[in-house]
């Protein structure tokens, strides 16, 4: 069994916190295992002044790390699942999926406590097309402004008064142990991104020693939910260039998958849900996508991806 594991990660505080959590879990289960963190700068880390949808979307935060995996410079990578494209390079696989953190989005306000308290025409920061379209659908009066950077940067911009509120992922705030006051937004108001709150541990598919070490961290329920959501994403082919979302949960031994696709303004908004056996998770995600495409999603994708 390996004595040293090299983990590739981005250098942001959140990426490092996620990697440290995985390292601590591995060390607890494998005493004597040495962990080496290798920080890799991705394209998404270098371009901070342009919305992700305009520079290629999916893969921006993982490509360079995957290349290091293929060159055997690292043994595994820790990603946020929502950053991972629906198709992986040949030879690589998402081998372990730990239990999901809270998948909800949250509203963090400057002198504003909750979504219902947002004044007419409030300035709300987010660069997510998914978040933006849902906000516009609920409150067409809001001014949605671009917001990029790490969590600290986003909170600083809020405190400076550039925005009256911003939307963040609860999972990121929890993993960073930030106690900032915020209001969790229910999936009925803000459907989470595909894979939000889920960590994806990627490795070479034939590196059986690493796979064996990672086995105790795997959560089958979270993996089934991720499979449904990622099947939806693959069929939709939207990445970061189309407002869409899918969220799967296990309720009473049944899998419930809910999703939407929308135009940029939230005016043509198609949302649906599907229920079935957890063992059919991928088929459920695929069927949900097909339903939304038939409802009007095909036209939206044709317009936004042309």
Protein backbone atom coordinates (compact mmCIF):
# COMPACT_ATOMS: atom_id res chain seq x y z
CA UNK A 1 0.00 0.00 0.00
CA UNK A 2 1.17 3.52 -0.81
CA UNK A 3 2.91 5.48 1.92
CA UNK A 4 2.60 8.84 0.11
CA UNK A 5 -0.41 10.38 -1.62
CA UNK A 6 0.00 13.47 -3.78
CA UNK A 7 -3.20 15.53 -3.93
CA UNK A 8 -3.65 18.14 -6.63
CA UNK A 9 -5.75 21.17 -5.76
CA UNK A 10 -6.41 24.76 -6.67
CA UNK A 11 -4.93 27.35 -4.35
CA UNK A 12 -8.09 29.11 -3.22
CA UNK A 13 -9.02 29.01 0.47
CA UNK A 14 -12.07 26.89 -0.31
CA UNK A 15 -10.16 24.41 -2.49
CA UNK A 16 -7.50 24.05 0.20
CA UNK A 17 -10.12 23.60 2.93
CA UNK A 18 -11.77 20.85 0.90
CA UNK A 19 -8.42 19.17 0.26
CA UNK A 20 -7.47 19.42 3.95
CA UNK A 21 -10.76 17.74 4.88
CA UNK A 22 -10.08 14.85 2.48
CA UNK A 23 -6.49 14.56 3.76
CA UNK A 24 -7.71 14.44 7.38
CA UNK A 25 -10.25 11.73 6.54
CA UNK A 26 -7.57 9.65 4.81
CA UNK A 27 -5.06 10.03 7.64
CA UNK A 28 -7.69 9.05 10.22
CA UNK A 29 -8.37 5.83 8.34
CA UNK A 30 -4.79 5.10 7.28
CA UNK A 31 -2.34 5.94 10.10
CA UNK A 32 1.15 6.55 8.77
CA UNK A 33 -0.04 7.77 5.38
CA UNK A 34 1.83 10.88 4.23
CA UNK A 35 -0.10 13.51 2.27
CA UNK A 36 1.52 16.01 -0.07
CA UNK A 37 -0.58 18.90 -1.39
CA UNK A 38 0.34 20.16 -4.84
CA UNK A 39 -1.24 23.49 -5.78
CA UNK A 40 -2.09 23.89 -9.46
CA UNK A 41 -3.30 27.14 -11.00
CA UNK A 42 -6.13 26.68 -13.49
CA UNK A 43 -7.38 28.92 -16.28
CA UNK A 44 -10.38 29.84 -14.15
CA UNK A 45 -8.04 31.09 -11.41
CA UNK A 46 -6.14 33.33 -13.81
CA UNK A 47 -9.12 35.06 -15.47
CA UNK A 48 -11.02 36.92 -12.77
CA UNK A 49 -12.56 39.87 -14.61
CA UNK A 50 -14.76 38.01 -17.14
CA UNK A 51 -17.96 36.00 -16.48
CA UNK A 52 -17.36 32.26 -16.76
CA UNK A 53 -20.05 31.92 -19.43
CA UNK A 54 -17.95 34.10 -21.76
CA UNK A 55 -14.69 32.16 -21.40
CA UNK A 56 -15.81 28.60 -21.85
CA UNK A 57 -17.57 27.60 -18.64
CA UNK A 58 -17.09 23.98 -17.58
CA UNK A 59 -13.56 22.67 -17.23
CA UNK A 60 -12.00 26.02 -16.39
CA UNK A 61 -11.15 24.90 -12.85
CA UNK A 62 -10.11 21.31 -13.53
CA UNK A 63 -8.30 20.96 -16.89
CA UNK A 64 -4.76 21.68 -15.68
CA UNK A 65 -5.27 19.43 -12.64
CA UNK A 66 -6.49 16.58 -14.84
CA UNK A 67 -3.44 17.01 -17.06
CA UNK A 68 -1.21 16.62 -13.98
CA UNK A 69 -3.08 13.42 -13.11
CA UNK A 70 -2.52 12.01 -16.58
CA UNK A 71 1.21 12.85 -16.34
CA UNK A 72 1.38 11.00 -12.97
CA UNK A 73 2.48 14.18 -11.19
CA UNK A 74 -0.32 13.72 -8.63
CA UNK A 75 -2.29 10.70 -7.43
CA UNK A 76 -5.70 12.28 -6.97
CA UNK A 77 -7.54 15.57 -7.28
CA UNK A 78 -10.20 17.13 -5.09
CA UNK A 79 -12.78 19.16 -7.02
CA UNK A 80 -16.09 20.82 -6.34
CA UNK A 81 -18.42 18.57 -8.34
CA UNK A 82 -20.17 21.54 -9.91
CA UNK A 83 -16.85 22.48 -11.59
CA UNK A 84 -16.39 19.05 -13.21
CA UNK A 85 -17.51 18.66 -16.86
CA UNK A 86 -19.96 15.88 -17.67
CA UNK A 87 -17.30 14.09 -19.73
CA UNK A 88 -13.89 13.17 -18.30
CA UNK A 89 -10.58 12.57 -20.12
CA UNK A 90 -9.91 8.95 -21.04
CA UNK A 91 -8.13 7.14 -18.22
CA UNK A 92 -9.56 9.31 -15.44
CA UNK A 93 -12.61 8.71 -13.27
CA UNK A 94 -14.46 10.23 -10.33
CA UNK A 95 -13.60 7.37 -8.01
CA UNK A 96 -14.93 8.63 -4.68
CA UNK A 97 -17.82 10.92 -3.69
CA UNK A 98 -18.01 11.81 0.03
CA UNK A 99 -21.28 12.75 1.76
CA UNK A 100 -22.92 15.90 0.42
CA UNK A 101 -22.75 19.18 2.31
CA UNK A 102 -25.81 21.49 2.35
CA UNK A 103 -26.57 22.11 -1.37
CA UNK A 104 -28.58 25.32 -0.95
CA UNK A 105 -27.70 28.81 -2.10
CA UNK A 106 -27.79 31.57 0.49
CA UNK A 107 -28.47 35.30 0.37
CA UNK A 108 -25.94 37.47 2.19
CA UNK A 109 -27.17 41.02 2.55
CA UNK A 110 -25.73 44.38 3.52
CA UNK A 111 -28.27 45.61 6.07
CA UNK A 112 -30.74 43.18 4.46
CA UNK A 113 -31.72 40.04 6.34
CA UNK A 114 -33.72 38.05 3.79
CA UNK A 115 -34.82 37.72 0.18
CA UNK A 116 -38.25 39.20 0.92
CA UNK A 117 -36.58 42.31 2.35
CA UNK A 118 -34.78 43.20 -0.89
CA UNK A 119 -35.99 46.70 -1.89
CA UNK A 120 -37.27 47.55 -5.36
CA UNK A 121 -34.38 47.60 -7.85
CA UNK A 122 -31.88 46.18 -5.35
CA UNK A 123 -28.36 45.47 -6.64
CA UNK A 124 -27.67 41.73 -6.30
CA UNK A 125 -24.28 40.24 -7.14
CA UNK A 126 -23.82 36.92 -8.96
CA UNK A 127 -22.11 35.84 -12.16
CA UNK A 128 -24.11 32.61 -12.28
CA UNK A 129 -26.62 32.49 -15.14
CA UNK A 130 -28.53 29.88 -13.13
CA UNK A 131 -28.90 32.18 -10.13
CA UNK A 132 -29.54 35.23 -12.27
CA UNK A 133 -32.40 33.73 -14.27
CA UNK A 134 -34.15 32.48 -11.11
CA UNK A 135 -33.78 35.87 -9.45
CA UNK A 136 -35.16 37.68 -12.50
CA UNK A 137 -38.08 35.27 -12.72
CA UNK A 138 -39.05 35.93 -9.11
CA UNK A 139 -38.11 39.63 -9.02
CA UNK A 140 -37.80 41.23 -12.49
CA UNK A 141 -37.09 44.56 -10.79
CA UNK A 142 -33.74 43.44 -9.34
CA UNK A 143 -30.48 44.69 -10.87
CA UNK A 144 -28.30 41.60 -11.31
CA UNK A 145 -24.63 42.58 -11.37
CA UNK A 146 -21.58 40.40 -12.16
CA UNK A 147 -19.58 39.09 -9.18
CA UNK A 148 -16.44 36.96 -9.38
CA UNK A 149 -13.51 36.15 -7.10
CA UNK A 150 -13.11 33.95 -4.05
CA UNK A 151 -15.55 34.06 -1.13
CA UNK A 152 -13.50 36.64 0.80
CA UNK A 153 -13.37 38.91 -2.25
CA UNK A 154 -17.12 38.64 -2.78
CA UNK A 155 -17.87 39.44 0.85
CA UNK A 156 -15.48 42.41 0.75
CA UNK A 157 -17.24 43.81 -2.34
CA UNK A 158 -20.55 43.46 -0.51
CA UNK A 159 -19.24 45.28 2.58
CA UNK A 160 -17.89 48.08 0.35
CA UNK A 161 -21.42 48.74 -0.87
CA UNK A 162 -20.99 47.55 -4.46
CA UNK A 163 -24.04 45.35 -3.90
CA UNK A 164 -26.97 45.29 -1.51
CA UNK A 165 -26.89 41.49 -1.46
CA UNK A 166 -24.97 38.62 -3.00
CA UNK A 167 -25.76 34.94 -3.56
CA UNK A 168 -23.27 32.31 -2.39
CA UNK A 169 -23.23 28.54 -1.83
CA UNK A 170 -23.90 27.46 1.74
CA UNK A 171 -21.47 24.53 1.33
CA UNK A 172 -18.57 26.89 0.70
CA UNK A 173 -19.35 29.03 3.74
CA UNK A 174 -19.61 25.94 5.94
CA UNK A 175 -16.36 24.44 4.67
CA UNK A 176 -14.62 27.75 5.35
CA UNK A 177 -16.23 27.93 8.83
CA UNK A 178 -17.54 31.42 8.06
CA UNK A 179 -20.20 32.67 10.46
CA UNK A 180 -21.44 35.47 8.21
CA UNK A 181 -25.16 36.10 8.64
CA UNK A 182 -27.11 34.65 5.72
CA UNK A 183 -30.52 33.33 4.68
CA UNK A 184 -30.61 29.84 3.12
CA UNK A 185 -32.79 29.83 0.00
CA UNK A 186 -35.03 26.82 -0.43
CA UNK A 187 -34.79 24.86 -3.70
CA UNK A 188 -38.30 26.15 -4.48
CA UNK A 189 -36.83 29.66 -4.68
CA UNK A 190 -33.32 28.85 -5.92
CA UNK A 191 -32.69 25.40 -7.38
CA UNK A 192 -29.02 24.47 -6.73
CA UNK A 193 -26.42 23.84 -9.40
CA UNK A 194 -25.68 20.31 -10.59
CA UNK A 195 -23.36 18.81 -7.97
CA UNK A 196 -23.56 21.76 -5.57
CA UNK A 197 -22.26 20.77 -2.13
CA UNK A 198 -20.62 17.59 -3.48
CA UNK A 199 -16.89 16.86 -3.59
CA UNK A 200 -15.52 14.85 -6.50
CA UNK A 201 -12.31 12.92 -5.94
CA UNK A 202 -10.74 12.14 -9.31
CA UNK A 203 -7.94 9.66 -9.97
CA UNK A 204 -6.50 7.44 -12.67
CA UNK A 205 -8.94 4.59 -13.23
CA UNK A 206 -6.18 1.97 -13.11
CA UNK A 207 -4.46 3.28 -9.95
CA UNK A 208 -5.88 0.52 -7.74
CA UNK A 209 -3.76 1.37 -4.68
CA UNK A 210 -5.14 4.91 -4.56
CA UNK A 211 -8.67 3.67 -5.19
CA UNK A 212 -8.38 1.25 -2.27
CA UNK A 213 -7.23 4.03 0.07
CA UNK A 214 -10.19 6.20 -0.94
CA UNK A 215 -12.91 3.54 -0.57
CA UNK A 216 -13.88 4.43 3.06
CA UNK A 217 -14.71 8.03 2.05
CA UNK A 218 -17.36 7.05 -0.51
CA UNK A 219 -21.06 7.74 0.14
CA UNK A 220 -23.38 5.67 -2.11
CA UNK A 221 -26.44 7.91 -1.64
CA UNK A 222 -24.58 11.07 -2.63
CA UNK A 223 -23.08 9.18 -5.59
CA UNK A 224 -26.56 8.23 -6.84
CA UNK A 225 -27.76 11.83 -6.57
CA UNK A 226 -24.65 13.05 -8.41
CA UNK A 227 -25.21 10.46 -11.16
CA UNK A 228 -28.76 11.72 -11.76
CA UNK A 229 -27.73 15.37 -11.82
CA UNK A 230 -24.73 14.78 -14.08
CA UNK A 231 -26.79 12.68 -16.52
CA UNK A 232 -29.14 15.65 -16.77
CA UNK A 233 -26.24 18.03 -17.39
CA UNK A 234 -24.70 15.83 -20.06
CA UNK A 235 -27.96 15.62 -21.99
CA UNK A 236 -28.56 19.38 -21.72
CA UNK A 237 -25.02 20.20 -22.96
CA UNK A 238 -25.34 23.68 -21.48
CA UNK A 239 -22.40 23.98 -19.10
CA UNK A 240 -22.09 27.54 -17.79
CA UNK A 241 -23.54 29.10 -20.94
CA UNK A 242 -27.18 28.24 -20.28
CA UNK A 243 -29.24 28.86 -17.12
CA UNK A 244 -30.09 25.36 -15.90
CA UNK A 245 -30.03 23.27 -12.75
CA UNK A 246 -30.83 19.81 -11.44
CA UNK A 247 -31.11 18.64 -7.85
CA UNK A 248 -31.66 15.04 -6.73
CA UNK A 249 -32.71 13.82 -3.28
CA UNK A 250 -33.60 10.44 -1.83
CA UNK A 251 -37.02 10.45 -0.13
CA UNK A 252 -38.73 7.34 1.27
CA UNK A 253 -36.54 5.03 -0.83
CA UNK A 254 -37.42 6.97 -3.99
CA UNK A 255 -35.22 9.36 -5.94
CA UNK A 256 -36.74 12.73 -6.74
CA UNK A 257 -34.95 14.78 -9.41
CA UNK A 258 -35.99 18.35 -10.13
CA UNK A 259 -34.58 20.57 -12.83
CA UNK A 260 -35.09 23.65 -14.95
CA UNK A 261 -33.81 25.36 -18.07
CA UNK A 262 -34.40 29.03 -18.82
CA UNK A 263 -33.54 31.93 -21.06
CA UNK A 264 -31.22 34.57 -19.63
CA UNK A 265 -34.07 36.79 -18.41
CA UNK A 266 -36.05 34.03 -16.68
CA UNK A 267 -39.05 34.68 -18.93
CA UNK A 268 -39.10 31.34 -20.77
CA UNK A 269 -38.64 29.11 -17.75
CA UNK A 270 -39.28 25.36 -17.87
CA UNK A 271 -39.18 23.41 -14.61
CA UNK A 272 -40.15 19.80 -13.94
CA UNK A 273 -39.56 16.90 -11.55
CA UNK A 274 -39.39 13.14 -11.92
CA UNK A 275 -39.50 10.30 -9.39
CA UNK A 276 -38.26 6.72 -9.58
CA UNK A 277 -35.95 4.05 -8.23
CA UNK A 278 -32.55 5.22 -6.95
CA UNK A 279 -30.96 2.44 -8.99
CA UNK A 280 -32.24 4.22 -12.13
CA UNK A 281 -30.64 7.52 -11.15
CA UNK A 282 -28.91 8.19 -14.47
CA UNK A 283 -32.02 7.25 -16.45
CA UNK A 284 -34.08 9.62 -14.31
CA UNK A 285 -31.72 12.53 -14.92
CA UNK A 286 -31.73 11.77 -18.64
CA UNK A 287 -35.54 11.56 -18.80
CA UNK A 288 -35.93 14.84 -16.91
CA UNK A 289 -33.62 16.55 -19.40
CA UNK A 290 -35.58 15.10 -22.33
CA UNK A 291 -38.85 16.39 -20.83
CA UNK A 292 -37.45 19.90 -20.44
CA UNK A 293 -35.94 19.92 -23.92
CA UNK A 294 -39.31 18.99 -25.41
CA UNK A 295 -41.08 21.63 -23.32
CA UNK A 296 -39.03 24.42 -24.89
CA UNK A 297 -35.46 23.88 -23.76
CA UNK A 298 -34.29 22.87 -27.23
CA UNK A 299 -35.06 26.36 -28.55
CA UNK A 300 -33.24 28.00 -25.65
CA UNK A 301 -30.14 25.84 -26.14
CA UNK A 302 -30.16 26.53 -29.88
CA UNK A 303 -30.22 30.27 -29.22
CA UNK A 304 -27.65 30.42 -26.43
CA UNK A 305 -25.16 27.90 -27.83
CA UNK A 306 -25.23 29.09 -31.46
